[in-house]
Structures are given as structure tokens and as C-alpha cells.
mmCIF file of all heavy atoms, coordinates in Angstrom:
data_MODEL
# 
_entry.id   MODEL 
# 
loop_
_atom_site.group_PDB 
_atom_site.id 
_atom_site.type_symbol 
_atom_site.label_atom_id 
_atom_site.label_alt_id 
_atom_site.label_comp_id 
_atom_site.label_asym_id 
_atom_site.label_entity_id 
_atom_site.label_seq_id 
_atom_site.pdbx_PDB_ins_code 
_atom_site.Cartn_x 
_atom_site.Cartn_y 
_atom_site.Cartn_z 
_atom_site.occupancy 
_atom_site.B_iso_or_equiv 
_atom_site.pdbx_formal_charge 
_atom_site.auth_seq_id 
_atom_site.auth_comp_id 
_atom_site.auth_asym_id 
_atom_site.auth_atom_id 
_atom_site.pdbx_PDB_model_num 
ATOM 1   N N   . ASN A 1 1  ? -4.214 -8.252 -2.620  1.00 0.00 ? 1  ASN A N   1 
ATOM 2   C CA  . ASN A 1 1  ? -5.006 -7.033 -2.559  1.00 0.00 ? 1  ASN A CA  1 
ATOM 3   C C   . ASN A 1 1  ? -4.755 -6.325 -1.238  1.00 0.00 ? 1  ASN A C   1 
ATOM 4   O O   . ASN A 1 1  ? -4.928 -6.922 -0.166  1.00 0.00 ? 1  ASN A O   1 
ATOM 5   C CB  . ASN A 1 1  ? -6.496 -7.369 -2.660  1.00 0.00 ? 1  ASN A CB  1 
ATOM 6   C CG  . ASN A 1 1  ? -6.860 -7.970 -3.996  1.00 0.00 ? 1  ASN A CG  1 
ATOM 7   O OD1 . ASN A 1 1  ? -7.297 -7.266 -4.891  1.00 0.00 ? 1  ASN A OD1 1 
ATOM 8   N ND2 . ASN A 1 1  ? -6.694 -9.284 -4.124  1.00 0.00 ? 1  ASN A ND2 1 
ATOM 9   N N   . ILE A 1 2  ? -4.386 -5.053 -1.272  1.00 0.00 ? 2  ILE A N   1 
ATOM 10  C CA  . ILE A 1 2  ? -4.189 -4.279 -0.049  1.00 0.00 ? 2  ILE A CA  1 
ATOM 11  C C   . ILE A 1 2  ? -5.555 -3.996 0.569   1.00 0.00 ? 2  ILE A C   1 
ATOM 12  O O   . ILE A 1 2  ? -6.434 -3.439 -0.094  1.00 0.00 ? 2  ILE A O   1 
ATOM 13  C CB  . ILE A 1 2  ? -3.436 -2.966 -0.328  1.00 0.00 ? 2  ILE A CB  1 
ATOM 14  C CG1 . ILE A 1 2  ? -2.024 -3.250 -0.835  1.00 0.00 ? 2  ILE A CG1 1 
ATOM 15  C CG2 . ILE A 1 2  ? -3.382 -2.101 0.938   1.00 0.00 ? 2  ILE A CG2 1 
ATOM 16  C CD1 . ILE A 1 2  ? -1.227 -2.003 -1.197  1.00 0.00 ? 2  ILE A CD1 1 
ATOM 17  N N   . THR A 1 3  ? -5.722 -4.398 1.846   1.00 0.00 ? 3  THR A N   1 
ATOM 18  C CA  . THR A 1 3  ? -6.986 -4.185 2.548   1.00 0.00 ? 3  THR A CA  1 
ATOM 19  C C   . THR A 1 3  ? -6.878 -3.085 3.602   1.00 0.00 ? 3  THR A C   1 
ATOM 20  O O   . THR A 1 3  ? -7.891 -2.590 4.084   1.00 0.00 ? 3  THR A O   1 
ATOM 21  C CB  . THR A 1 3  ? -7.456 -5.482 3.232   1.00 0.00 ? 3  THR A CB  1 
ATOM 22  O OG1 . THR A 1 3  ? -6.433 -5.927 4.142   1.00 0.00 ? 3  THR A OG1 1 
ATOM 23  C CG2 . THR A 1 3  ? -7.739 -6.566 2.199   1.00 0.00 ? 3  THR A CG2 1 
ATOM 24  N N   . SER A 1 4  ? -5.660 -2.717 3.967   1.00 0.00 ? 4  SER A N   1 
ATOM 25  C CA  . SER A 1 4  ? -5.454 -1.675 4.959   1.00 0.00 ? 4  SER A CA  1 
ATOM 26  C C   . SER A 1 4  ? -4.048 -1.108 4.800   1.00 0.00 ? 4  SER A C   1 
ATOM 27  O O   . SER A 1 4  ? -3.114 -1.846 4.505   1.00 0.00 ? 4  SER A O   1 
ATOM 28  C CB  . SER A 1 4  ? -5.626 -2.250 6.370   1.00 0.00 ? 4  SER A CB  1 
ATOM 29  O OG  . SER A 1 4  ? -5.353 -1.267 7.349   1.00 0.00 ? 4  SER A OG  1 
ATOM 30  N N   . VAL A 1 5  ? -3.929 0.202  4.995   1.00 0.00 ? 5  VAL A N   1 
ATOM 31  C CA  . VAL A 1 5  ? -2.629 0.875  4.957   1.00 0.00 ? 5  VAL A CA  1 
ATOM 32  C C   . VAL A 1 5  ? -2.456 1.582  6.293   1.00 0.00 ? 5  VAL A C   1 
ATOM 33  O O   . VAL A 1 5  ? -3.323 2.358  6.703   1.00 0.00 ? 5  VAL A O   1 
ATOM 34  C CB  . VAL A 1 5  ? -2.558 1.895  3.790   1.00 0.00 ? 5  VAL A CB  1 
ATOM 35  C CG1 . VAL A 1 5  ? -1.214 2.600  3.769   1.00 0.00 ? 5  VAL A CG1 1 
ATOM 36  C CG2 . VAL A 1 5  ? -2.816 1.201  2.453   1.00 0.00 ? 5  VAL A CG2 1 
ATOM 37  N N   . VAL A 1 6  ? -1.348 1.299  6.987   1.00 0.00 ? 6  VAL A N   1 
ATOM 38  C CA  . VAL A 1 6  ? -1.096 1.920  8.291   1.00 0.00 ? 6  VAL A CA  1 
ATOM 39  C C   . VAL A 1 6  ? -0.991 3.436  8.108   1.00 0.00 ? 6  VAL A C   1 
ATOM 40  O O   . VAL A 1 6  ? -0.162 3.909  7.323   1.00 0.00 ? 6  VAL A O   1 
ATOM 41  C CB  . VAL A 1 6  ? 0.195  1.365  8.922   1.00 0.00 ? 6  VAL A CB  1 
ATOM 42  C CG1 . VAL A 1 6  ? 0.552  2.117  10.200  1.00 0.00 ? 6  VAL A CG1 1 
ATOM 43  C CG2 . VAL A 1 6  ? 0.062  -0.126 9.197   1.00 0.00 ? 6  VAL A CG2 1 
ATOM 44  N N   . PRO A 1 7  ? -1.854 4.205  8.798   1.00 0.00 ? 7  PRO A N   1 
ATOM 45  C CA  . PRO A 1 7  ? -1.788 5.666  8.661   1.00 0.00 ? 7  PRO A CA  1 
ATOM 46  C C   . PRO A 1 7  ? -0.397 6.199  9.011   1.00 0.00 ? 7  PRO A C   1 
ATOM 47  O O   . PRO A 1 7  ? 0.207  5.767  9.988   1.00 0.00 ? 7  PRO A O   1 
ATOM 48  C CB  . PRO A 1 7  ? -2.827 6.163  9.673   1.00 0.00 ? 7  PRO A CB  1 
ATOM 49  C CG  . PRO A 1 7  ? -3.743 5.005  9.886   1.00 0.00 ? 7  PRO A CG  1 
ATOM 50  C CD  . PRO A 1 7  ? -2.898 3.781  9.720   1.00 0.00 ? 7  PRO A CD  1 
ATOM 51  N N   . ASP A 1 8  ? 0.119  7.070  8.174   1.00 0.00 ? 8  ASP A N   1 
ATOM 52  C CA  . ASP A 1 8  ? 1.436  7.680  8.347   1.00 0.00 ? 8  ASP A CA  1 
ATOM 53  C C   . ASP A 1 8  ? 2.581  6.667  8.283   1.00 0.00 ? 8  ASP A C   1 
ATOM 54  O O   . ASP A 1 8  ? 3.710  6.994  8.639   1.00 0.00 ? 8  ASP A O   1 
ATOM 55  C CB  . ASP A 1 8  ? 1.528  8.467  9.666   1.00 0.00 ? 8  ASP A CB  1 
ATOM 56  C CG  . ASP A 1 8  ? 0.497  9.583  9.732   1.00 0.00 ? 8  ASP A CG  1 
ATOM 57  O OD1 . ASP A 1 8  ? 0.293  10.257 8.703   1.00 0.00 ? 8  ASP A OD1 1 
ATOM 58  O OD2 . ASP A 1 8  ? -0.104 9.762  10.792  1.00 0.00 ? 8  ASP A OD2 1 
ATOM 59  N N   . GLY A 1 9  ? 2.313  5.439  7.858   1.00 0.00 ? 9  GLY A N   1 
ATOM 60  C CA  . GLY A 1 9  ? 3.347  4.425  7.723   1.00 0.00 ? 9  GLY A CA  1 
ATOM 61  C C   . GLY A 1 9  ? 4.054  4.560  6.385   1.00 0.00 ? 9  GLY A C   1 
ATOM 62  O O   . GLY A 1 9  ? 3.723  5.419  5.553   1.00 0.00 ? 9  GLY A O   1 
ATOM 63  N N   . PRO A 1 10 ? 5.058  3.712  6.134   1.00 0.00 ? 10 PRO A N   1 
ATOM 64  C CA  . PRO A 1 10 ? 5.847  3.797  4.906   1.00 0.00 ? 10 PRO A CA  1 
ATOM 65  C C   . PRO A 1 10 ? 5.020  3.721  3.623   1.00 0.00 ? 10 PRO A C   1 
ATOM 66  O O   . PRO A 1 10 ? 5.246  4.485  2.685   1.00 0.00 ? 10 PRO A O   1 
ATOM 67  C CB  . PRO A 1 10 ? 6.806  2.616  5.010   1.00 0.00 ? 10 PRO A CB  1 
ATOM 68  C CG  . PRO A 1 10 ? 6.902  2.319  6.462   1.00 0.00 ? 10 PRO A CG  1 
ATOM 69  C CD  . PRO A 1 10 ? 5.571  2.669  7.037   1.00 0.00 ? 10 PRO A CD  1 
ATOM 70  N N   . SER A 1 11 ? 4.048  2.816  3.569   1.00 0.00 ? 11 SER A N   1 
ATOM 71  C CA  . SER A 1 11 ? 3.232  2.676  2.356   1.00 0.00 ? 11 SER A CA  1 
ATOM 72  C C   . SER A 1 11 ? 2.329  3.875  2.135   1.00 0.00 ? 11 SER A C   1 
ATOM 73  O O   . SER A 1 11 ? 2.147  4.331  1.005   1.00 0.00 ? 11 SER A O   1 
ATOM 74  C CB  . SER A 1 11 ? 2.396  1.393  2.416   1.00 0.00 ? 11 SER A CB  1 
ATOM 75  O OG  . SER A 1 11 ? 3.242  0.273  2.279   1.00 0.00 ? 11 SER A OG  1 
ATOM 76  N N   . ALA A 1 12 ? 1.748  4.394  3.219   1.00 0.00 ? 12 ALA A N   1 
ATOM 77  C CA  . ALA A 1 12 ? 0.899  5.583  3.105   1.00 0.00 ? 12 ALA A CA  1 
ATOM 78  C C   . ALA A 1 12 ? 1.719  6.762  2.606   1.00 0.00 ? 12 ALA A C   1 
ATOM 79  O O   . ALA A 1 12 ? 1.282  7.510  1.721   1.00 0.00 ? 12 ALA A O   1 
ATOM 80  C CB  . ALA A 1 12 ? 0.264  5.910  4.450   1.00 0.00 ? 12 ALA A CB  1 
ATOM 81  N N   . THR A 1 13 ? 2.913  6.918  3.139   1.00 0.00 ? 13 THR A N   1 
ATOM 82  C CA  . THR A 1 13 ? 3.800  8.004  2.716   1.00 0.00 ? 13 THR A CA  1 
ATOM 83  C C   . THR A 1 13 ? 4.169  7.879  1.244   1.00 0.00 ? 13 THR A C   1 
ATOM 84  O O   . THR A 1 13 ? 4.249  8.881  0.528   1.00 0.00 ? 13 THR A O   1 
ATOM 85  C CB  . THR A 1 13 ? 5.082  8.016  3.588   1.00 0.00 ? 13 THR A CB  1 
ATOM 86  O OG1 . THR A 1 13 ? 4.691  8.174  4.954   1.00 0.00 ? 13 THR A OG1 1 
ATOM 87  C CG2 . THR A 1 13 ? 6.014  9.132  3.191   1.00 0.00 ? 13 THR A CG2 1 
ATOM 88  N N   . ALA A 1 14 ? 4.363  6.641  0.781   1.00 0.00 ? 14 ALA A N   1 
ATOM 89  C CA  . ALA A 1 14 ? 4.736  6.407  -0.621  1.00 0.00 ? 14 ALA A CA  1 
ATOM 90  C C   . ALA A 1 14 ? 3.553  6.550  -1.573  1.00 0.00 ? 14 ALA A C   1 
ATOM 91  O O   . ALA A 1 14 ? 3.745  6.659  -2.786  1.00 0.00 ? 14 ALA A O   1 
ATOM 92  C CB  . ALA A 1 14 ? 5.355  5.018  -0.773  1.00 0.00 ? 14 ALA A CB  1 
ATOM 93  N N   . GLY A 1 15 ? 2.302  6.529  -1.049  1.00 0.00 ? 15 GLY A N   1 
ATOM 94  C CA  . GLY A 1 15 ? 1.135  6.714  -1.901  1.00 0.00 ? 15 GLY A CA  1 
ATOM 95  C C   . GLY A 1 15 ? 0.327  5.471  -2.190  1.00 0.00 ? 15 GLY A C   1 
ATOM 96  O O   . GLY A 1 15 ? -0.599 5.515  -3.002  1.00 0.00 ? 15 GLY A O   1 
ATOM 97  N N   . LEU A 1 16 ? 0.634  4.342  -1.543  1.00 0.00 ? 16 LEU A N   1 
ATOM 98  C CA  . LEU A 1 16 ? -0.172 3.137  -1.748  1.00 0.00 ? 16 LEU A CA  1 
ATOM 99  C C   . LEU A 1 16 ? -1.552 3.327  -1.130  1.00 0.00 ? 16 LEU A C   1 
ATOM 100 O O   . LEU A 1 16 ? -1.722 4.070  -0.164  1.00 0.00 ? 16 LEU A O   1 
ATOM 101 C CB  . LEU A 1 16 ? 0.513  1.920  -1.132  1.00 0.00 ? 16 LEU A CB  1 
ATOM 102 C CG  . LEU A 1 16 ? 1.754  1.438  -1.887  1.00 0.00 ? 16 LEU A CG  1 
ATOM 103 C CD1 . LEU A 1 16 ? 2.489  0.382  -1.084  1.00 0.00 ? 16 LEU A CD1 1 
ATOM 104 C CD2 . LEU A 1 16 ? 1.380  0.892  -3.248  1.00 0.00 ? 16 LEU A CD2 1 
ATOM 105 N N   . ARG A 1 17 ? -2.551 2.633  -1.702  1.00 0.00 ? 17 ARG A N   1 
ATOM 106 C CA  . ARG A 1 17 ? -3.932 2.781  -1.259  1.00 0.00 ? 17 ARG A CA  1 
ATOM 107 C C   . ARG A 1 17 ? -4.602 1.427  -1.097  1.00 0.00 ? 17 ARG A C   1 
ATOM 108 O O   . ARG A 1 17 ? -4.206 0.435  -1.720  1.00 0.00 ? 17 ARG A O   1 
ATOM 109 C CB  . ARG A 1 17 ? -4.747 3.566  -2.291  1.00 0.00 ? 17 ARG A CB  1 
ATOM 110 C CG  . ARG A 1 17 ? -4.284 4.961  -2.535  1.00 0.00 ? 17 ARG A CG  1 
ATOM 111 C CD  . ARG A 1 17 ? -5.212 5.614  -3.528  1.00 0.00 ? 17 ARG A CD  1 
ATOM 112 N NE  . ARG A 1 17 ? -4.683 6.880  -4.007  1.00 0.00 ? 17 ARG A NE  1 
ATOM 113 C CZ  . ARG A 1 17 ? -5.118 7.498  -5.082  1.00 0.00 ? 17 ARG A CZ  1 
ATOM 114 N NH1 . ARG A 1 17 ? -6.103 6.978  -5.799  1.00 0.00 ? 17 ARG A NH1 1 
ATOM 115 N NH2 . ARG A 1 17 ? -4.586 8.649  -5.448  1.00 0.00 ? 17 ARG A NH2 1 
ATOM 116 N N   . ILE A 1 18 ? -5.677 1.424  -0.293  1.00 0.00 ? 18 ILE A N   1 
ATOM 117 C CA  . ILE A 1 18 ? -6.510 0.231  -0.187  1.00 0.00 ? 18 ILE A CA  1 
ATOM 118 C C   . ILE A 1 18 ? -7.043 -0.078 -1.587  1.00 0.00 ? 18 ILE A C   1 
ATOM 119 O O   . ILE A 1 18 ? -7.463 0.813  -2.311  1.00 0.00 ? 18 ILE A O   1 
ATOM 120 C CB  . ILE A 1 18 ? -7.670 0.472  0.797   1.00 0.00 ? 18 ILE A CB  1 
ATOM 121 C CG1 . ILE A 1 18 ? -7.123 0.658  2.208   1.00 0.00 ? 18 ILE A CG1 1 
ATOM 122 C CG2 . ILE A 1 18 ? -8.682 -0.662 0.745   1.00 0.00 ? 18 ILE A CG2 1 
ATOM 123 C CD1 . ILE A 1 18 ? -8.158 1.103  3.221   1.00 0.00 ? 18 ILE A CD1 1 
ATOM 124 N N   . GLY A 1 19 ? -7.012 -1.363 -1.952  1.00 0.00 ? 19 GLY A N   1 
ATOM 125 C CA  . GLY A 1 19 ? -7.491 -1.778 -3.274  1.00 0.00 ? 19 GLY A CA  1 
ATOM 126 C C   . GLY A 1 19 ? -6.377 -1.985 -4.285  1.00 0.00 ? 19 GLY A C   1 
ATOM 127 O O   . GLY A 1 19 ? -6.588 -2.644 -5.310  1.00 0.00 ? 19 GLY A O   1 
ATOM 128 N N   . ASP A 1 20 ? -5.180 -1.415 -4.040  1.00 0.00 ? 20 ASP A N   1 
ATOM 129 C CA  . ASP A 1 20 ? -4.049 -1.669 -4.935  1.00 0.00 ? 20 ASP A CA  1 
ATOM 130 C C   . ASP A 1 20 ? -3.729 -3.156 -4.932  1.00 0.00 ? 20 ASP A C   1 
ATOM 131 O O   . ASP A 1 20 ? -3.879 -3.840 -3.917  1.00 0.00 ? 20 ASP A O   1 
ATOM 132 C CB  . ASP A 1 20 ? -2.811 -0.876 -4.487  1.00 0.00 ? 20 ASP A CB  1 
ATOM 133 C CG  . ASP A 1 20 ? -2.939 0.618  -4.751  1.00 0.00 ? 20 ASP A CG  1 
ATOM 134 O OD1 . ASP A 1 20 ? -3.856 1.035  -5.483  1.00 0.00 ? 20 ASP A OD1 1 
ATOM 135 O OD2 . ASP A 1 20 ? -2.096 1.373  -4.214  1.00 0.00 ? 20 ASP A OD2 1 
ATOM 136 N N   . LYS A 1 21 ? -3.290 -3.658 -6.064  1.00 0.00 ? 21 LYS A N   1 
ATOM 137 C CA  . LYS A 1 21 ? -2.959 -5.077 -6.214  1.00 0.00 ? 21 LYS A CA  1 
ATOM 138 C C   . LYS A 1 21 ? -1.480 -5.203 -6.573  1.00 0.00 ? 21 LYS A C   1 
ATOM 139 O O   . LYS A 1 21 ? -1.017 -4.571 -7.517  1.00 0.00 ? 21 LYS A O   1 
ATOM 140 C CB  . LYS A 1 21 ? -3.819 -5.717 -7.303  1.00 0.00 ? 21 LYS A CB  1 
ATOM 141 C CG  . LYS A 1 21 ? -5.300 -5.702 -6.991  1.00 0.00 ? 21 LYS A CG  1 
ATOM 142 C CD  . LYS A 1 21 ? -6.121 -6.086 -8.216  1.00 0.00 ? 21 LYS A CD  1 
ATOM 143 C CE  . LYS A 1 21 ? -7.598 -6.127 -7.961  1.00 0.00 ? 21 LYS A CE  1 
ATOM 144 N NZ  . LYS A 1 21 ? -8.167 -5.103 -7.151  1.00 0.00 ? 21 LYS A NZ  1 
ATOM 145 N N   . PHE A 1 22 ? -0.745 -6.019 -5.817  1.00 0.00 ? 22 PHE A N   1 
ATOM 146 C CA  . PHE A 1 22 ? 0.676  -6.229 -6.086  1.00 0.00 ? 22 PHE A CA  1 
ATOM 147 C C   . PHE A 1 22 ? 0.857  -7.104 -7.326  1.00 0.00 ? 22 PHE A C   1 
ATOM 148 O O   . PHE A 1 22 ? 0.265  -8.170 -7.439  1.00 0.00 ? 22 PHE A O   1 
ATOM 149 C CB  . PHE A 1 22 ? 1.371  -6.919 -4.916  1.00 0.00 ? 22 PHE A CB  1 
ATOM 150 C CG  . PHE A 1 22 ? 1.519  -6.071 -3.685  1.00 0.00 ? 22 PHE A CG  1 
ATOM 151 C CD1 . PHE A 1 22 ? 1.362  -6.638 -2.435  1.00 0.00 ? 22 PHE A CD1 1 
ATOM 152 C CD2 . PHE A 1 22 ? 1.831  -4.730 -3.763  1.00 0.00 ? 22 PHE A CD2 1 
ATOM 153 C CE1 . PHE A 1 22 ? 1.510  -5.876 -1.281  1.00 0.00 ? 22 PHE A CE1 1 
ATOM 154 C CE2 . PHE A 1 22 ? 1.979  -3.956 -2.622  1.00 0.00 ? 22 PHE A CE2 1 
ATOM 155 C CZ  . PHE A 1 22 ? 1.818  -4.530 -1.383  1.00 0.00 ? 22 PHE A CZ  1 
ATOM 156 N N   . ILE A 1 23 ? 1.710  -6.645 -8.232  1.00 0.00 ? 23 ILE A N   1 
ATOM 157 C CA  . ILE A 1 23 ? 2.074  -7.429 -9.405  1.00 0.00 ? 23 ILE A CA  1 
ATOM 158 C C   . ILE A 1 23 ? 3.493  -7.983 -9.238  1.00 0.00 ? 23 ILE A C   1 
ATOM 159 O O   . ILE A 1 23 ? 3.745  -9.157 -9.447  1.00 0.00 ? 23 ILE A O   1 
ATOM 160 C CB  . ILE A 1 23 ? 1.976  -6.576 -10.699 1.00 0.00 ? 23 ILE A CB  1 
ATOM 161 C CG1 . ILE A 1 23 ? 0.574  -5.952 -10.834 1.00 0.00 ? 23 ILE A CG1 1 
ATOM 162 C CG2 . ILE A 1 23 ? 2.354  -7.407 -11.919 1.00 0.00 ? 23 ILE A CG2 1 
ATOM 163 C CD1 . ILE A 1 23 ? -0.570 -6.946 -10.875 1.00 0.00 ? 23 ILE A CD1 1 
ATOM 164 N N   . ARG A 1 24 ? 4.418  -7.090 -8.845  1.00 0.00 ? 24 ARG A N   1 
ATOM 165 C CA  . ARG A 1 24 ? 5.809  -7.486 -8.592  1.00 0.00 ? 24 ARG A CA  1 
ATOM 166 C C   . ARG A 1 24 ? 6.291  -6.838 -7.299  1.00 0.00 ? 24 ARG A C   1 
ATOM 167 O O   . ARG A 1 24 ? 5.923  -5.719 -6.977  1.00 0.00 ? 24 ARG A O   1 
ATOM 168 C CB  . ARG A 1 24 ? 6.735  -7.048 -9.726  1.00 0.00 ? 24 ARG A CB  1 
ATOM 169 C CG  . ARG A 1 24 ? 6.424  -7.668 -11.078 1.00 0.00 ? 24 ARG A CG  1 
ATOM 170 C CD  . ARG A 1 24 ? 7.412  -7.225 -12.154 1.00 0.00 ? 24 ARG A CD  1 
ATOM 171 N NE  . ARG A 1 24 ? 8.685  -7.913 -12.090 1.00 0.00 ? 24 ARG A NE  1 
ATOM 172 C CZ  . ARG A 1 24 ? 8.875  -9.184 -12.436 1.00 0.00 ? 24 ARG A CZ  1 
ATOM 173 N NH1 . ARG A 1 24 ? 7.869  -9.899 -12.863 1.00 0.00 ? 24 ARG A NH1 1 
ATOM 174 N NH2 . ARG A 1 24 ? 10.063 -9.737 -12.348 1.00 0.00 ? 24 ARG A NH2 1 
ATOM 175 N N   . VAL A 1 25 ? 7.150  -7.555 -6.574  1.00 0.00 ? 25 VAL A N   1 
ATOM 176 C CA  . VAL A 1 25 ? 7.860  -7.016 -5.412  1.00 0.00 ? 25 VAL A CA  1 
ATOM 177 C C   . VAL A 1 25 ? 9.336  -7.191 -5.718  1.00 0.00 ? 25 VAL A C   1 
ATOM 178 O O   . VAL A 1 25 ? 9.818  -8.310 -5.897  1.00 0.00 ? 25 VAL A O   1 
ATOM 179 C CB  . VAL A 1 25 ? 7.482  -7.746 -4.113  1.00 0.00 ? 25 VAL A CB  1 
ATOM 180 C CG1 . VAL A 1 25 ? 8.326  -7.231 -2.946  1.00 0.00 ? 25 VAL A CG1 1 
ATOM 181 C CG2 . VAL A 1 25 ? 5.998  -7.593 -3.811  1.00 0.00 ? 25 VAL A CG2 1 
ATOM 182 N N   . ASN A 1 26 ? 10.035 -6.055 -5.822  1.00 0.00 ? 26 ASN A N   1 
ATOM 183 C CA  . ASN A 1 26 ? 11.410 -6.039 -6.325  1.00 0.00 ? 26 ASN A CA  1 
ATOM 184 C C   . ASN A 1 26 ? 11.407 -6.716 -7.689  1.00 0.00 ? 26 ASN A C   1 
ATOM 185 O O   . ASN A 1 26 ? 10.684 -6.284 -8.568  1.00 0.00 ? 26 ASN A O   1 
ATOM 186 C CB  . ASN A 1 26 ? 12.388 -6.626 -5.318  1.00 0.00 ? 26 ASN A CB  1 
ATOM 187 C CG  . ASN A 1 26 ? 12.529 -5.732 -4.080  1.00 0.00 ? 26 ASN A CG  1 
ATOM 188 O OD1 . ASN A 1 26 ? 12.500 -4.510 -4.183  1.00 0.00 ? 26 ASN A OD1 1 
ATOM 189 N ND2 . ASN A 1 26 ? 12.651 -6.341 -2.918  1.00 0.00 ? 26 ASN A ND2 1 
# 
């Protein structure tokens, strides 16, 4: 579970949000 997204970081730029849950990585 994403608990924090670095402001202006790669994930924030891509649209990830707090609360998103990873299912697959690559």
C-alpha cells in the first residue's frame, strides 16, 4: 500500500496516489 508519494517525484508525475496498491511490478 502506498503511504506517501514524494511531491514532484517520478510517481507523482506519473499519477500514483496514496492508497494505491501494487499488484504487479514489471
